[in-house]
Amino acid sequence: MTIESILGAIIIGAIVGAVGRLILPGRQPIGWLLTIVVGIVAALIGTAIAQVMGVATTDGIDWIELVMQVVLAIVGVGIVAGLKRGSRV
């Protein structure tokens, strides 16, 4: 794993997390750092699922993989926000 791939994962994860958070309705009581972490995890899981499903890797943007990543980020942000809300007593 190179430094470029790590930086790429962080950047893609930040974008995927931010898009997922923007699409999710309502206010989420989580910070941007946690959003980025959720986005990175969603991007990694989305890529793994796309590879298992046989989605071809292209030179450009892999739209199917990107949609999977954003949907997973929406779910992840929703779960983390729900857990964060539930912990406030």
Protein backbone atom coordinates (compact mmCIF):
# COMPACT_ATOMS: atom_id res chain seq x y z
CA MET A 1 0.00 0.00 0.00
CA THR A 2 1.53 3.27 -1.10
CA ILE A 3 1.15 6.73 0.40
CA GLU A 4 -0.77 7.79 -2.72
CA SER A 5 -3.35 5.02 -2.23
CA ILE A 6 -3.77 5.94 1.43
CA LEU A 7 -4.23 9.62 0.58
CA GLY A 8 -6.61 8.66 -2.22
CA ALA A 9 -8.68 6.56 0.19
CA ILE A 10 -8.88 9.46 2.64
CA ILE A 11 -9.92 11.92 -0.05
CA ILE A 12 -12.49 9.59 -1.63
CA GLY A 13 -13.76 8.65 1.84
CA ALA A 14 -14.15 12.30 2.78
CA ILE A 15 -16.10 13.01 -0.39
CA VAL A 16 -18.28 9.89 -0.06
CA GLY A 17 -18.96 10.65 3.62
CA ALA A 18 -19.82 14.28 2.92
CA VAL A 19 -22.17 13.35 0.06
CA GLY A 20 -23.82 10.69 2.21
CA ARG A 21 -24.28 13.17 5.03
CA LEU A 22 -25.71 15.81 2.69
CA ILE A 23 -28.21 13.36 1.17
CA LEU A 24 -29.37 12.03 4.54
CA PRO A 25 -32.30 14.19 5.66
CA GLY A 26 -32.20 15.98 8.98
CA ARG A 27 -29.38 17.09 11.20
CA GLN A 28 -26.73 14.61 12.21
CA PRO A 29 -25.02 15.24 15.57
CA ILE A 30 -21.63 13.95 14.40
CA GLY A 31 -18.51 15.88 13.49
CA TRP A 32 -16.73 16.02 10.18
CA LEU A 33 -13.91 13.77 11.34
CA LEU A 34 -16.38 10.99 12.16
CA THR A 35 -18.13 11.65 8.83
CA ILE A 36 -14.81 11.16 7.03
CA VAL A 37 -14.16 7.91 8.92
CA VAL A 38 -17.64 6.63 8.01
CA GLY A 39 -16.98 7.66 4.41
CA ILE A 40 -13.66 5.81 4.29
CA VAL A 41 -15.25 2.65 5.69
CA ALA A 42 -18.18 2.99 3.25
CA ALA A 43 -15.78 3.46 0.34
CA LEU A 44 -13.76 0.39 1.28
CA ILE A 45 -16.84 -1.79 1.80
CA GLY A 46 -18.46 -0.46 -1.38
CA THR A 47 -15.35 -1.27 -3.40
CA ALA A 48 -15.21 -4.77 -1.92
CA ILE A 49 -18.88 -5.40 -2.72
CA ALA A 50 -18.42 -4.08 -6.28
CA GLN A 51 -15.47 -6.42 -6.81
CA VAL A 52 -17.41 -9.42 -5.47
CA MET A 53 -20.33 -8.54 -7.75
CA GLY A 54 -17.98 -8.37 -10.72
CA VAL A 55 -18.41 -4.66 -11.45
CA ALA A 56 -15.74 -3.85 -14.02
CA THR A 57 -13.06 -1.31 -13.15
CA THR A 58 -12.84 1.44 -15.77
CA ASP A 59 -10.38 4.21 -16.52
CA GLY A 60 -12.95 6.84 -15.56
CA ILE A 61 -15.43 7.03 -12.74
CA ASP A 62 -16.95 3.71 -11.72
CA TRP A 63 -20.51 4.95 -11.24
CA ILE A 64 -21.99 1.71 -9.91
CA GLU A 65 -19.23 1.43 -7.31
CA LEU A 66 -19.62 5.11 -6.40
CA VAL A 67 -23.39 4.73 -5.89
CA MET A 68 -22.75 1.71 -3.63
CA GLN A 69 -20.25 3.72 -1.61
CA VAL A 70 -22.60 6.70 -1.20
CA VAL A 71 -25.54 4.46 -0.19
CA LEU A 72 -23.32 2.75 2.39
CA ALA A 73 -22.18 6.18 3.63
CA ILE A 74 -25.81 7.29 4.03
CA VAL A 75 -26.57 4.15 6.03
CA GLY A 76 -23.35 4.52 8.05
CA VAL A 77 -23.92 8.18 8.87
CA GLY A 78 -27.50 7.37 9.87
CA ILE A 79 -26.39 4.56 12.16
CA VAL A 80 -23.59 6.58 13.77
CA ALA A 81 -25.88 9.62 14.21
CA GLY A 82 -28.55 7.38 15.78
CA LEU A 83 -26.03 5.85 18.16
CA LYS A 84 -24.72 9.29 19.05
CA ARG A 85 -28.27 10.55 19.73
CA GLY A 86 -29.02 7.45 21.80
CA SER A 87 -25.96 7.96 23.99
CA ARG A 88 -27.12 11.39 25.15
CA VAL A 89 -29.04 11.02 28.36
